[in-house]
Amino acid sequence: MKKNMGTADQVIRTLTAIVIALLYYYDAITGTLGIVLLVLAGVFLLTSFVGFCPLYTLFGLSTCDTKKE
């Protein structure tokens, strides 16, 4: 897997996942919506740690910085 996520994208995804987890923990979001958002937060954390987003490849996107040689 080639990285296709930049640092800013990884930070935004991690912060979003933390906010979702905190909202669920403090019962601001509950029920089915809360569970769906927790799963989404888990996916965000996984993709941010790996640096690869499968949806980006489907759409041909990349937020990773390209190094000029």
PDB file of N, CA and C in Angstrom:
ATOM      1  N   MET A   1       0.835  -1.176   0.000  1.00  0.00           N
ATOM      2  CA  MET A   1       0.000   0.000   0.000  1.00  0.00           C
ATOM      3  C   MET A   1       0.883   1.244   0.000  1.00  0.00           C
ATOM      4  N   LYS A   2       0.628   2.094  -0.928  1.00  0.00           N
ATOM      5  CA  LYS A   2       1.341   3.357  -1.018  1.00  0.00           C
ATOM      6  C   LYS A   2       0.555   4.408  -0.243  1.00  0.00           C
ATOM      7  N   LYS A   3       1.258   5.214   0.526  1.00  0.00           N
ATOM      8  CA  LYS A   3       0.581   6.251   1.306  1.00  0.00           C
ATOM      9  C   LYS A   3      -0.114   7.240   0.379  1.00  0.00           C
ATOM     10  N   ASN A   4      -1.332   7.615   0.734  1.00  0.00           N
ATOM     11  CA  ASN A   4      -2.057   8.613  -0.039  1.00  0.00           C
ATOM     12  C   ASN A   4      -2.708   9.671   0.858  1.00  0.00           C
ATOM     13  N   MET A   5      -2.262   9.727   2.124  1.00  0.00           N
ATOM     14  CA  MET A   5      -2.790  10.713   3.065  1.00  0.00           C
ATOM     15  C   MET A   5      -1.660  11.579   3.598  1.00  0.00           C
ATOM     16  N   GLY A   6      -1.879  12.865   3.574  1.00  0.00           N
ATOM     17  CA  GLY A   6      -0.901  13.800   4.106  1.00  0.00           C
ATOM     18  C   GLY A   6      -1.035  13.953   5.612  1.00  0.00           C
ATOM     19  N   THR A   7      -0.114  14.672   6.185  1.00  0.00           N
ATOM     20  CA  THR A   7      -0.093  14.868   7.635  1.00  0.00           C
ATOM     21  C   THR A   7      -1.326  15.608   8.129  1.00  0.00           C
ATOM     22  N   ALA A   8      -1.720  16.639   7.424  1.00  0.00           N
ATOM     23  CA  ALA A   8      -2.895  17.416   7.842  1.00  0.00           C
ATOM     24  C   ALA A   8      -4.146  16.540   7.827  1.00  0.00           C
ATOM     25  N   ASP A   9      -4.285  15.709   6.820  1.00  0.00           N
ATOM     26  CA  ASP A   9      -5.427  14.805   6.718  1.00  0.00           C
ATOM     27  C   ASP A   9      -5.435  13.807   7.878  1.00  0.00           C
ATOM     28  N   GLN A  10      -4.275  13.294   8.233  1.00  0.00           N
ATOM     29  CA  GLN A  10      -4.175  12.343   9.339  1.00  0.00           C
ATOM     30  C   GLN A  10      -4.541  13.002  10.666  1.00  0.00           C
ATOM     31  N   VAL A  11      -4.082  14.226  10.877  1.00  0.00           N
ATOM     32  CA  VAL A  11      -4.387  14.940  12.121  1.00  0.00           C
ATOM     33  C   VAL A  11      -5.877  15.240  12.215  1.00  0.00           C
ATOM     34  N   ILE A  12      -6.477  15.678  11.123  1.00  0.00           N
ATOM     35  CA  ILE A  12      -7.909  15.992  11.118  1.00  0.00           C
ATOM     36  C   ILE A  12      -8.735  14.743  11.410  1.00  0.00           C
ATOM     37  N   ARG A  13      -8.369  13.622  10.802  1.00  0.00           N
ATOM     38  CA  ARG A  13      -9.092  12.372  11.047  1.00  0.00           C
ATOM     39  C   ARG A  13      -8.943  11.913  12.494  1.00  0.00           C
ATOM     40  N   THR A  14      -7.756  12.044  13.052  1.00  0.00           N
ATOM     41  CA  THR A  14      -7.537  11.636  14.435  1.00  0.00           C
ATOM     42  C   THR A  14      -8.340  12.507  15.391  1.00  0.00           C
ATOM     43  N   LEU A  15      -8.315  13.803  15.186  1.00  0.00           N
ATOM     44  CA  LEU A  15      -9.080  14.709  16.048  1.00  0.00           C
ATOM     45  C   LEU A  15     -10.583  14.467  15.924  1.00  0.00           C
ATOM     46  N   THR A  16     -11.045  14.198  14.715  1.00  0.00           N
ATOM     47  CA  THR A  16     -12.464  13.898  14.514  1.00  0.00           C
ATOM     48  C   THR A  16     -12.861  12.633  15.265  1.00  0.00           C
ATOM     49  N   ALA A  17     -12.017  11.621  15.211  1.00  0.00           N
ATOM     50  CA  ALA A  17     -12.298  10.370  15.912  1.00  0.00           C
ATOM     51  C   ALA A  17     -12.334  10.579  17.421  1.00  0.00           C
ATOM     52  N   ILE A  18     -11.426  11.394  17.931  1.00  0.00           N
ATOM     53  CA  ILE A  18     -11.410  11.672  19.368  1.00  0.00           C
ATOM     54  C   ILE A  18     -12.674  12.412  19.797  1.00  0.00           C
ATOM     55  N   VAL A  19     -13.096  13.389  19.001  1.00  0.00           N
ATOM     56  CA  VAL A  19     -14.315  14.145  19.317  1.00  0.00           C
ATOM     57  C   VAL A  19     -15.535  13.225  19.307  1.00  0.00           C
ATOM     58  N   ILE A  20     -15.630  12.353  18.311  1.00  0.00           N
ATOM     59  CA  ILE A  20     -16.762  11.417  18.245  1.00  0.00           C
ATOM     60  C   ILE A  20     -16.760  10.499  19.468  1.00  0.00           C
ATOM     61  N   ALA A  21     -15.579   9.989  19.843  1.00  0.00           N
ATOM     62  CA  ALA A  21     -15.489   9.102  21.005  1.00  0.00           C
ATOM     63  C   ALA A  21     -15.903   9.828  22.283  1.00  0.00           C
ATOM     64  N   LEU A  22     -15.471  11.065  22.432  1.00  0.00           N
ATOM     65  CA  LEU A  22     -15.853  11.830  23.620  1.00  0.00           C
ATOM     66  C   LEU A  22     -17.354  12.122  23.649  1.00  0.00           C
ATOM     67  N   LEU A  23     -17.927  12.468  22.505  1.00  0.00           N
ATOM     68  CA  LEU A  23     -19.376  12.713  22.446  1.00  0.00           C
ATOM     69  C   LEU A  23     -20.167  11.456  22.808  1.00  0.00           C
ATOM     70  N   TYR A  24     -19.691  10.320  22.369  1.00  0.00           N
ATOM     71  CA  TYR A  24     -20.368   9.062  22.705  1.00  0.00           C
ATOM     72  C   TYR A  24     -20.195   8.747  24.190  1.00  0.00           C
ATOM     73  N   TYR A  25     -18.999   8.965  24.705  1.00  0.00           N
ATOM     74  CA  TYR A  25     -18.720   8.677  26.115  1.00  0.00           C
ATOM     75  C   TYR A  25     -19.594   9.520  27.039  1.00  0.00           C
ATOM     76  N   TYR A  26     -19.788  10.788  26.687  1.00  0.00           N
ATOM     77  CA  TYR A  26     -20.589  11.683  27.517  1.00  0.00           C
ATOM     78  C   TYR A  26     -22.062  11.695  27.117  1.00  0.00           C
ATOM     79  N   ASP A  27     -22.510  10.695  26.362  1.00  0.00           N
ATOM     80  CA  ASP A  27     -23.914  10.507  25.968  1.00  0.00           C
ATOM     81  C   ASP A  27     -24.507  11.663  25.181  1.00  0.00           C
ATOM     82  N   ALA A  28     -23.678  12.392  24.457  1.00  0.00           N
ATOM     83  CA  ALA A  28     -24.202  13.436  23.577  1.00  0.00           C
ATOM     84  C   ALA A  28     -24.779  12.792  22.313  1.00  0.00           C
ATOM     85  N   ILE A  29     -24.205  11.668  21.903  1.00  0.00           N
ATOM     86  CA  ILE A  29     -24.757  10.879  20.805  1.00  0.00           C
ATOM     87  C   ILE A  29     -24.975   9.460  21.323  1.00  0.00           C
ATOM     88  N   THR A  30     -26.148   8.920  21.043  1.00  0.00           N
ATOM     89  CA  THR A  30     -26.485   7.598  21.569  1.00  0.00           C
ATOM     90  C   THR A  30     -27.194   6.785  20.492  1.00  0.00           C
ATOM     91  N   GLY A  31     -27.498   5.564  20.840  1.00  0.00           N
ATOM     92  CA  GLY A  31     -28.273   4.701  19.967  1.00  0.00           C
ATOM     93  C   GLY A  31     -27.519   4.262  18.731  1.00  0.00           C
ATOM     94  N   THR A  32     -28.279   4.007  17.686  1.00  0.00           N
ATOM     95  CA  THR A  32     -27.723   3.516  16.428  1.00  0.00           C
ATOM     96  C   THR A  32     -26.773   4.544  15.818  1.00  0.00           C
ATOM     97  N   LEU A  33     -27.139   5.795  15.854  1.00  0.00           N
ATOM     98  CA  LEU A  33     -26.270   6.838  15.316  1.00  0.00           C
ATOM     99  C   LEU A  33     -24.928   6.858  16.042  1.00  0.00           C
ATOM    100  N   GLY A  34     -24.956   6.707  17.349  1.00  0.00           N
ATOM    101  CA  GLY A  34     -23.728   6.689  18.123  1.00  0.00           C
ATOM    102  C   GLY A  34     -22.827   5.525  17.754  1.00  0.00           C
ATOM    103  N   ILE A  35     -23.414   4.358  17.554  1.00  0.00           N
ATOM    104  CA  ILE A  35     -22.628   3.180  17.184  1.00  0.00           C
ATOM    105  C   ILE A  35     -22.046   3.341  15.785  1.00  0.00           C
ATOM    106  N   VAL A  36     -22.837   3.850  14.862  1.00  0.00           N
ATOM    107  CA  VAL A  36     -22.346   4.069  13.499  1.00  0.00           C
ATOM    108  C   VAL A  36     -21.199   5.069  13.504  1.00  0.00           C
ATOM    109  N   LEU A  37     -21.326   6.136  14.272  1.00  0.00           N
ATOM    110  CA  LEU A  37     -20.264   7.135  14.354  1.00  0.00           C
ATOM    111  C   LEU A  37     -19.017   6.579  15.032  1.00  0.00           C
ATOM    112  N   LEU A  38     -19.185   5.690  16.015  1.00  0.00           N
ATOM    113  CA  LEU A  38     -18.025   5.060  16.645  1.00  0.00           C
ATOM    114  C   LEU A  38     -17.278   4.172  15.661  1.00  0.00           C
ATOM    115  N   VAL A  39     -18.005   3.447  14.827  1.00  0.00           N
ATOM    116  CA  VAL A  39     -17.367   2.625  13.801  1.00  0.00           C
ATOM    117  C   VAL A  39     -16.614   3.522  12.821  1.00  0.00           C
ATOM    118  N   LEU A  40     -17.238   4.621  12.419  1.00  0.00           N
ATOM    119  CA  LEU A  40     -16.586   5.577  11.532  1.00  0.00           C
ATOM    120  C   LEU A  40     -15.322   6.150  12.185  1.00  0.00           C
ATOM    121  N   ALA A  41     -15.389   6.445  13.474  1.00  0.00           N
ATOM    122  CA  ALA A  41     -14.222   6.942  14.197  1.00  0.00           C
ATOM    123  C   ALA A  41     -13.107   5.908  14.203  1.00  0.00           C
ATOM    124  N   GLY A  42     -13.464   4.651  14.365  1.00  0.00           N
ATOM    125  CA  GLY A  42     -12.469   3.583  14.315  1.00  0.00           C
ATOM    126  C   GLY A  42     -11.799   3.490  12.960  1.00  0.00           C
ATOM    127  N   VAL A  43     -12.585   3.631  11.901  1.00  0.00           N
ATOM    128  CA  VAL A  43     -12.031   3.621  10.545  1.00  0.00           C
ATOM    129  C   VAL A  43     -11.118   4.828  10.345  1.00  0.00           C
ATOM    130  N   PHE A  44     -11.530   5.980  10.840  1.00  0.00           N
ATOM    131  CA  PHE A  44     -10.693   7.176  10.741  1.00  0.00           C
ATOM    132  C   PHE A  44      -9.347   6.966  11.443  1.00  0.00           C
ATOM    133  N   LEU A  45      -9.380   6.395  12.643  1.00  0.00           N
ATOM    134  CA  LEU A  45      -8.130   6.156  13.364  1.00  0.00           C
ATOM    135  C   LEU A  45      -7.232   5.164  12.626  1.00  0.00           C
ATOM    136  N   LEU A  46      -7.827   4.095  12.144  1.00  0.00           N
ATOM    137  CA  LEU A  46      -7.052   3.082  11.430  1.00  0.00           C
ATOM    138  C   LEU A  46      -6.397   3.666  10.184  1.00  0.00           C
ATOM    139  N   THR A  47      -7.174   4.384   9.379  1.00  0.00           N
ATOM    140  CA  THR A  47      -6.612   4.941   8.148  1.00  0.00           C
ATOM    141  C   THR A  47      -5.588   6.032   8.433  1.00  0.00           C
ATOM    142  N   SER A  48      -5.777   6.785   9.512  1.00  0.00           N
ATOM    143  CA  SER A  48      -4.802   7.836   9.810  1.00  0.00           C
ATOM    144  C   SER A  48      -3.485   7.247  10.302  1.00  0.00           C
ATOM    145  N   PHE A  49      -3.529   6.152  11.049  1.00  0.00           N
ATOM    146  CA  PHE A  49      -2.289   5.521  11.508  1.00  0.00           C
ATOM    147  C   PHE A  49      -1.553   4.823  10.376  1.00  0.00           C
ATOM    148  N   VAL A  50      -2.305   4.234   9.443  1.00  0.00           N
ATOM    149  CA  VAL A  50      -1.689   3.538   8.318  1.00  0.00           C
ATOM    150  C   VAL A  50      -1.237   4.529   7.246  1.00  0.00           C
ATOM    151  N   GLY A  51      -1.973   5.629   7.105  1.00  0.00           N
ATOM    152  CA  GLY A  51      -1.635   6.631   6.084  1.00  0.00           C
ATOM    153  C   GLY A  51      -2.188   6.289   4.721  1.00  0.00           C
ATOM    154  N   PHE A  52      -3.167   5.397   4.686  1.00  0.00           N
ATOM    155  CA  PHE A  52      -3.746   4.954   3.418  1.00  0.00           C
ATOM    156  C   PHE A  52      -5.263   4.925   3.541  1.00  0.00           C
ATOM    157  N   CYS A  53      -5.956   5.529   2.585  1.00  0.00           N
ATOM    158  CA  CYS A  53      -7.413   5.525   2.542  1.00  0.00           C
ATOM    159  C   CYS A  53      -7.865   4.837   1.256  1.00  0.00           C
ATOM    160  N   PRO A  54      -8.554   3.709   1.357  1.00  0.00           N
ATOM    161  CA  PRO A  54      -8.997   3.001   0.161  1.00  0.00           C
ATOM    162  C   PRO A  54      -9.938   3.821  -0.725  1.00  0.00           C
ATOM    163  N   LEU A  55     -10.756   4.671  -0.128  1.00  0.00           N
ATOM    164  CA  LEU A  55     -11.663   5.488  -0.936  1.00  0.00           C
ATOM    165  C   LEU A  55     -10.911   6.485  -1.799  1.00  0.00           C
ATOM    166  N   TYR A  56      -9.763   6.956  -1.322  1.00  0.00           N
ATOM    167  CA  TYR A  56      -8.959   7.881  -2.120  1.00  0.00           C
ATOM    168  C   TYR A  56      -8.487   7.221  -3.405  1.00  0.00           C
ATOM    169  N   THR A  57      -8.153   5.941  -3.348  1.00  0.00           N
ATOM    170  CA  THR A  57      -7.700   5.259  -4.560  1.00  0.00           C
ATOM    171  C   THR A  57      -8.837   5.090  -5.556  1.00  0.00           C
ATOM    172  N   LEU A  58     -10.048   4.858  -5.056  1.00  0.00           N
ATOM    173  CA  LEU A  58     -11.198   4.724  -5.955  1.00  0.00           C
ATOM    174  C   LEU A  58     -11.471   6.013  -6.728  1.00  0.00           C
ATOM    175  N   PHE A  59     -11.269   7.143  -6.055  1.00  0.00           N
ATOM    176  CA  PHE A  59     -11.530   8.435  -6.686  1.00  0.00           C
ATOM    177  C   PHE A  59     -10.272   9.092  -7.253  1.00  0.00           C
ATOM    178  N   GLY A  60      -9.133   8.442  -7.095  1.00  0.00           N
ATOM    179  CA  GLY A  60      -7.885   8.977  -7.645  1.00  0.00           C
ATOM    180  C   GLY A  60      -7.361  10.177  -6.877  1.00  0.00           C
ATOM    181  N   LEU A  61      -7.635  10.254  -5.601  1.00  0.00           N
ATOM    182  CA  LEU A  61      -7.198  11.384  -4.773  1.00  0.00           C
ATOM    183  C   LEU A  61      -5.953  11.045  -3.986  1.00  0.00           C
ATOM    184  N   SER A  62      -5.219  12.063  -3.612  1.00  0.00           N
ATOM    185  CA  SER A  62      -4.067  11.912  -2.738  1.00  0.00           C
ATOM    186  C   SER A  62      -3.802  13.241  -2.054  1.00  0.00           C
ATOM    187  N   THR A  63      -3.696  13.212  -0.724  1.00  0.00           N
ATOM    188  CA  THR A  63      -3.352  14.430   0.005  1.00  0.00           C
ATOM    189  C   THR A  63      -1.912  14.378   0.489  1.00  0.00           C
ATOM    190  N   CYS A  64      -1.194  13.340   0.076  1.00  0.00           N
ATOM    191  CA  CYS A  64       0.197  13.164   0.464  1.00  0.00           C
ATOM    192  C   CYS A  64       1.083  14.137  -0.316  1.00  0.00           C
ATOM    193  N   ASP A  65       2.041  14.736   0.388  1.00  0.00           N
ATOM    194  CA  ASP A  65       2.979  15.642  -0.268  1.00  0.00           C
ATOM    195  C   ASP A  65       3.874  14.855  -1.226  1.00  0.00           C
ATOM    196  N   THR A  66       4.092  15.409  -2.394  1.00  0.00           N
ATOM    197  CA  THR A  66       4.999  14.757  -3.338  1.00  0.00           C
ATOM    198  C   THR A  66       6.370  15.388  -3.177  1.00  0.00           C
ATOM    199  N   LYS A  67       7.364  14.544  -3.089  1.00  0.00           N
ATOM    200  CA  LYS A  67       8.737  15.032  -2.921  1.00  0.00           C
ATOM    201  C   LYS A  67       9.352  15.305  -4.278  1.00  0.00           C
ATOM    202  N   LYS A  68       9.928  16.474  -4.410  1.00  0.00           N
ATOM    203  CA  LYS A  68      10.608  16.828  -5.665  1.00  0.00           C
ATOM    204  C   LYS A  68      12.072  16.440  -5.534  1.00  0.00           C
ATOM    205  N   GLU A  69      12.553  15.721  -6.532  1.00  0.00           N
ATOM    206  CA  GLU A  69      13.942  15.271  -6.501  1.00  0.00           C
ATOM    207  C   GLU A  69      14.824  16.182  -7.304  1.00  0.00           C
TER     208      GLU A  69
END
